[in-house]
Amino acid sequence: MNRQISKDAQVFKSRLVYAANLIGAFWLGIGCFCSMVIFFVWNGLHRDQQFQNRGIILVILLATGILLVLALVPGKLLAIWPYAVAVEPQKGIWVYAPPTKLWIPLDEIVDIDVYSGSYGGGHVIHLSRPHGLVKQLYFNAFFFPDEQLVREIRSSIDRRDGVA
């Protein structure tokens, strides 16, 4: 499979503030986690009793970090809320979210629905099989205000099913 975007693909981007927040939060979270681990290791090398259970705290912190890395990198958890999508006509979509770029073939897209949640409404794309931990893609209407993305994906699905 060619892992490059074709020239006829349409790229839909979210608002800049959303993309910057998503990417910044990912990298800042990694930096803060590493800082906490370094702090507890450094604190463990000194013999003061500032933290009575620093060994337990360090083990919990490391276990949590390993689980988060597994959920974010091979699990592609943040791809549930992408900051950009490239639609390749008759082929599929590329989903951009830190730290990954995910290819979803058109035949794995089941349907597009409208959703309403506590953070606002938008559209959700249901997938026939999971890609890591991703079984659905959410596009909040506040961050993806252009309905053209949904229309393009929906028309690709209709053409695939022989409706249009």
C-alpha atoms as a PDB file:
ATOM      1  CA  MET A   1       0.000   0.000   0.000  1.00  0.00           C
ATOM      2  CA  ASN A   2       1.279   3.451  -0.870  1.00  0.00           C
ATOM      3  CA  ARG A   3       1.569   5.482   2.352  1.00  0.00           C
ATOM      4  CA  GLN A   4       1.545   8.823   0.508  1.00  0.00           C
ATOM      5  CA  ILE A   5      -1.400  11.125  -0.067  1.00  0.00           C
ATOM      6  CA  SER A   6      -2.444  11.410  -3.684  1.00  0.00           C
ATOM      7  CA  LYS A   7      -2.566  14.765  -5.454  1.00  0.00           C
ATOM      8  CA  ASP A   8      -6.350  14.647  -5.873  1.00  0.00           C
ATOM      9  CA  ALA A   9      -7.002  14.316  -2.117  1.00  0.00           C
ATOM     10  CA  GLN A  10      -8.951  17.044  -0.354  1.00  0.00           C
ATOM     11  CA  VAL A  11      -7.481  18.087   2.995  1.00  0.00           C
ATOM     12  CA  PHE A  12      -9.804  19.387   5.705  1.00  0.00           C
ATOM     13  CA  LYS A  13      -8.191  21.040   8.712  1.00  0.00           C
ATOM     14  CA  SER A  14      -9.678  21.916  12.060  1.00  0.00           C
ATOM     15  CA  ARG A  15      -9.286  25.349  13.557  1.00  0.00           C
ATOM     16  CA  LEU A  16      -5.717  26.260  14.428  1.00  0.00           C
ATOM     17  CA  VAL A  17      -6.432  26.601  18.148  1.00  0.00           C
ATOM     18  CA  TYR A  18      -7.727  23.009  18.298  1.00  0.00           C
ATOM     19  CA  ALA A  19      -4.779  21.562  16.377  1.00  0.00           C
ATOM     20  CA  ALA A  20      -2.268  23.502  18.469  1.00  0.00           C
ATOM     21  CA  ASN A  21      -4.004  22.418  21.666  1.00  0.00           C
ATOM     22  CA  LEU A  22      -4.052  18.742  20.664  1.00  0.00           C
ATOM     23  CA  ILE A  23      -0.422  18.640  19.545  1.00  0.00           C
ATOM     24  CA  GLY A  24       0.789  20.826  22.421  1.00  0.00           C
ATOM     25  CA  ALA A  25      -1.052  18.785  25.042  1.00  0.00           C
ATOM     26  CA  PHE A  26       0.445  15.569  23.679  1.00  0.00           C
ATOM     27  CA  TRP A  27       4.042  16.799  23.795  1.00  0.00           C
ATOM     28  CA  LEU A  28       3.596  18.754  27.027  1.00  0.00           C
ATOM     29  CA  GLY A  29       2.104  15.659  28.676  1.00  0.00           C
ATOM     30  CA  ILE A  30       5.110  13.586  27.656  1.00  0.00           C
ATOM     31  CA  GLY A  31       7.464  16.282  28.950  1.00  0.00           C
ATOM     32  CA  CYS A  32       5.661  16.614  32.272  1.00  0.00           C
ATOM     33  CA  PHE A  33       5.579  12.854  32.762  1.00  0.00           C
ATOM     34  CA  CYS A  34       9.323  12.593  32.136  1.00  0.00           C
ATOM     35  CA  SER A  35       9.915  15.479  34.545  1.00  0.00           C
ATOM     36  CA  MET A  36       7.924  13.728  37.272  1.00  0.00           C
ATOM     37  CA  VAL A  37       9.837  10.480  36.804  1.00  0.00           C
ATOM     38  CA  ILE A  38      13.162  12.339  36.926  1.00  0.00           C
ATOM     39  CA  PHE A  39      12.030  14.178  40.063  1.00  0.00           C
ATOM     40  CA  PHE A  40      11.091  10.984  41.903  1.00  0.00           C
ATOM     41  CA  VAL A  41      14.291   9.210  40.838  1.00  0.00           C
ATOM     42  CA  TRP A  42      16.361  12.231  41.909  1.00  0.00           C
ATOM     43  CA  ASN A  43      14.438  12.422  45.168  1.00  0.00           C
ATOM     44  CA  GLY A  44      15.053   8.708  45.742  1.00  0.00           C
ATOM     45  CA  LEU A  45      18.805   9.229  45.444  1.00  0.00           C
ATOM     46  CA  HIS A  46      18.731  11.658  48.350  1.00  0.00           C
ATOM     47  CA  ARG A  47      18.050  10.226  51.767  1.00  0.00           C
ATOM     48  CA  ASP A  48      15.626  12.822  53.092  1.00  0.00           C
ATOM     49  CA  GLN A  49      12.155  11.633  54.040  1.00  0.00           C
ATOM     50  CA  GLN A  50      10.107  14.162  52.074  1.00  0.00           C
ATOM     51  CA  PHE A  51       7.996  11.396  50.506  1.00  0.00           C
ATOM     52  CA  GLN A  52       7.471   8.387  52.764  1.00  0.00           C
ATOM     53  CA  ASN A  53       6.237   6.052  50.003  1.00  0.00           C
ATOM     54  CA  ARG A  54       8.314   7.276  47.077  1.00  0.00           C
ATOM     55  CA  GLY A  55       8.952   3.716  45.859  1.00  0.00           C
ATOM     56  CA  ILE A  56       5.240   3.038  45.547  1.00  0.00           C
ATOM     57  CA  ILE A  57       4.662   6.407  43.895  1.00  0.00           C
ATOM     58  CA  LEU A  58       7.444   5.724  41.382  1.00  0.00           C
ATOM     59  CA  VAL A  59       6.070   2.246  40.537  1.00  0.00           C
ATOM     60  CA  ILE A  60       2.545   3.624  40.047  1.00  0.00           C
ATOM     61  CA  LEU A  61       3.905   6.483  37.959  1.00  0.00           C
ATOM     62  CA  LEU A  62       5.927   4.148  35.734  1.00  0.00           C
ATOM     63  CA  ALA A  63       3.008   1.715  35.294  1.00  0.00           C
ATOM     64  CA  THR A  64       0.686   4.569  34.372  1.00  0.00           C
ATOM     65  CA  GLY A  65       3.232   5.924  31.919  1.00  0.00           C
ATOM     66  CA  ILE A  66       3.685   2.568  30.214  1.00  0.00           C
ATOM     67  CA  LEU A  67      -0.097   2.154  29.850  1.00  0.00           C
ATOM     68  CA  LEU A  68      -0.476   5.683  28.457  1.00  0.00           C
ATOM     69  CA  VAL A  69       2.322   5.195  25.939  1.00  0.00           C
ATOM     70  CA  LEU A  70       0.752   1.924  24.796  1.00  0.00           C
ATOM     71  CA  ALA A  71      -2.670   3.587  24.445  1.00  0.00           C
ATOM     72  CA  LEU A  72      -1.347   6.621  22.571  1.00  0.00           C
ATOM     73  CA  VAL A  73       1.282   5.182  20.244  1.00  0.00           C
ATOM     74  CA  PRO A  74       0.298   1.654  19.127  1.00  0.00           C
ATOM     75  CA  GLY A  75      -3.307   2.194  20.284  1.00  0.00           C
ATOM     76  CA  LYS A  76      -3.633   5.484  18.348  1.00  0.00           C
ATOM     77  CA  LEU A  77      -6.088   6.734  20.978  1.00  0.00           C
ATOM     78  CA  LEU A  78      -5.882  10.425  20.020  1.00  0.00           C
ATOM     79  CA  ALA A  79      -6.918   9.600  16.447  1.00  0.00           C
ATOM     80  CA  ILE A  80     -10.478   9.483  17.780  1.00  0.00           C
ATOM     81  CA  TRP A  81     -10.330  13.311  17.694  1.00  0.00           C
ATOM     82  CA  PRO A  82      -8.285  14.229  14.611  1.00  0.00           C
ATOM     83  CA  TYR A  83      -7.065  17.713  13.782  1.00  0.00           C
ATOM     84  CA  ALA A  84      -7.012  17.106  10.000  1.00  0.00           C
ATOM     85  CA  VAL A  85      -8.498  14.669   7.505  1.00  0.00           C
ATOM     86  CA  ALA A  86      -7.508  14.062   3.884  1.00  0.00           C
ATOM     87  CA  VAL A  87     -10.235  12.483   1.756  1.00  0.00           C
ATOM     88  CA  GLU A  88      -9.011  10.495  -1.235  1.00  0.00           C
ATOM     89  CA  PRO A  89     -11.932   9.981  -3.607  1.00  0.00           C
ATOM     90  CA  GLN A  90     -12.940   6.345  -4.116  1.00  0.00           C
ATOM     91  CA  LYS A  91     -10.098   5.144  -1.838  1.00  0.00           C
ATOM     92  CA  GLY A  92     -10.373   6.234   1.791  1.00  0.00           C
ATOM     93  CA  ILE A  93      -9.311   8.858   4.292  1.00  0.00           C
ATOM     94  CA  TRP A  94      -6.107   9.849   6.065  1.00  0.00           C
ATOM     95  CA  VAL A  95      -6.627  10.845   9.698  1.00  0.00           C
ATOM     96  CA  TYR A  96      -4.074  13.134  11.375  1.00  0.00           C
ATOM     97  CA  ALA A  97      -3.664  13.144  15.152  1.00  0.00           C
ATOM     98  CA  PRO A  98      -0.601  13.147  17.340  1.00  0.00           C
ATOM     99  CA  PRO A  99       1.548  11.049  17.161  1.00  0.00           C
ATOM    100  CA  THR A 100       0.190   9.228  14.124  1.00  0.00           C
ATOM    101  CA  LYS A 101      -1.181   9.426  10.599  1.00  0.00           C
ATOM    102  CA  LEU A 102      -3.837   6.759  10.122  1.00  0.00           C
ATOM    103  CA  TRP A 103      -5.127   5.330   6.813  1.00  0.00           C
ATOM    104  CA  ILE A 104      -8.736   4.144   6.763  1.00  0.00           C
ATOM    105  CA  PRO A 105      -9.926   2.482   3.533  1.00  0.00           C
ATOM    106  CA  LEU A 106     -13.342   3.522   2.262  1.00  0.00           C
ATOM    107  CA  ASP A 107     -14.795   0.020   2.677  1.00  0.00           C
ATOM    108  CA  GLU A 108     -14.138   0.179   6.451  1.00  0.00           C
ATOM    109  CA  ILE A 109     -16.307   3.279   6.922  1.00  0.00           C
ATOM    110  CA  VAL A 110     -19.748   2.084   7.962  1.00  0.00           C
ATOM    111  CA  ASP A 111     -21.721   5.300   8.447  1.00  0.00           C
ATOM    112  CA  ILE A 112     -21.656   8.941   9.501  1.00  0.00           C
ATOM    113  CA  ASP A 113     -24.029  10.074  12.233  1.00  0.00           C
ATOM    114  CA  VAL A 114     -24.765  13.308  14.037  1.00  0.00           C
ATOM    115  CA  TYR A 115     -23.926  13.271  17.726  1.00  0.00           C
ATOM    116  CA  SER A 116     -24.557  15.578  20.636  1.00  0.00           C
ATOM    117  CA  GLY A 117     -22.324  15.435  23.663  1.00  0.00           C
ATOM    118  CA  SER A 118     -21.317  17.419  26.697  1.00  0.00           C
ATOM    119  CA  TYR A 119     -18.655  19.236  24.657  1.00  0.00           C
ATOM    120  CA  GLY A 120     -20.992  20.140  21.817  1.00  0.00           C
ATOM    121  CA  GLY A 121     -22.296  18.426  18.755  1.00  0.00           C
ATOM    122  CA  GLY A 122     -20.804  17.256  15.532  1.00  0.00           C
ATOM    123  CA  HIS A 123     -20.418  14.138  13.434  1.00  0.00           C
ATOM    124  CA  VAL A 124     -19.124  10.678  14.213  1.00  0.00           C
ATOM    125  CA  ILE A 125     -17.763   8.194  11.682  1.00  0.00           C
ATOM    126  CA  HIS A 126     -18.321   4.545  12.575  1.00  0.00           C
ATOM    127  CA  LEU A 127     -15.679   2.053  11.424  1.00  0.00           C
ATOM    128  CA  SER A 128     -16.241  -1.628  10.679  1.00  0.00           C
ATOM    129  CA  ARG A 129     -13.039  -2.699  12.421  1.00  0.00           C
ATOM    130  CA  PRO A 130     -10.858  -1.021  15.027  1.00  0.00           C
ATOM    131  CA  HIS A 131      -7.540   0.607  14.190  1.00  0.00           C
ATOM    132  CA  GLY A 132      -5.754   0.200  17.482  1.00  0.00           C
ATOM    133  CA  LEU A 133      -8.202   1.629  20.017  1.00  0.00           C
ATOM    134  CA  VAL A 134     -10.024   3.674  17.363  1.00  0.00           C
ATOM    135  CA  LYS A 135     -13.490   2.396  16.472  1.00  0.00           C
ATOM    136  CA  GLN A 136     -15.069   5.818  15.802  1.00  0.00           C
ATOM    137  CA  LEU A 137     -13.870   9.247  14.691  1.00  0.00           C
ATOM    138  CA  TYR A 138     -15.399  12.383  16.199  1.00  0.00           C
ATOM    139  CA  PHE A 139     -15.551  15.738  14.414  1.00  0.00           C
ATOM    140  CA  ASN A 140     -16.821  18.467  16.707  1.00  0.00           C
ATOM    141  CA  ALA A 141     -18.774  21.113  14.784  1.00  0.00           C
ATOM    142  CA  PHE A 142     -17.032  23.884  16.713  1.00  0.00           C
ATOM    143  CA  PHE A 143     -13.576  22.770  15.560  1.00  0.00           C
ATOM    144  CA  PHE A 144     -14.623  21.491  12.120  1.00  0.00           C
ATOM    145  CA  PRO A 145     -17.242  24.113  11.222  1.00  0.00           C
ATOM    146  CA  ASP A 146     -17.182  23.330   7.493  1.00  0.00           C
ATOM    147  CA  GLU A 147     -19.774  20.724   6.517  1.00  0.00           C
ATOM    148  CA  GLN A 148     -17.857  19.975   3.303  1.00  0.00           C
ATOM    149  CA  LEU A 149     -15.831  17.241   5.051  1.00  0.00           C
ATOM    150  CA  VAL A 150     -18.964  15.321   5.996  1.00  0.00           C
ATOM    151  CA  ARG A 151     -20.484  15.813   2.540  1.00  0.00           C
ATOM    152  CA  GLU A 152     -17.345  14.472   0.817  1.00  0.00           C
ATOM    153  CA  ILE A 153     -17.123  11.380   3.000  1.00  0.00           C
ATOM    154  CA  ARG A 154     -20.846  10.740   2.729  1.00  0.00           C
ATOM    155  CA  SER A 155     -20.778  11.054  -1.077  1.00  0.00           C
ATOM    156  CA  SER A 156     -17.792   8.653  -1.214  1.00  0.00           C
ATOM    157  CA  ILE A 157     -19.739   6.145   0.864  1.00  0.00           C
ATOM    158  CA  ASP A 158     -22.809   6.557  -1.373  1.00  0.00           C
ATOM    159  CA  ARG A 159     -20.721   6.020  -4.528  1.00  0.00           C
ATOM    160  CA  ARG A 160     -19.164   2.949  -2.954  1.00  0.00           C
ATOM    161  CA  ASP A 161     -22.603   1.531  -2.179  1.00  0.00           C
ATOM    162  CA  GLY A 162     -23.950   2.380  -5.620  1.00  0.00           C
ATOM    163  CA  VAL A 163     -26.485   4.918  -4.327  1.00  0.00           C
ATOM    164  CA  ALA A 164     -25.292   7.912  -6.301  1.00  0.00           C
END
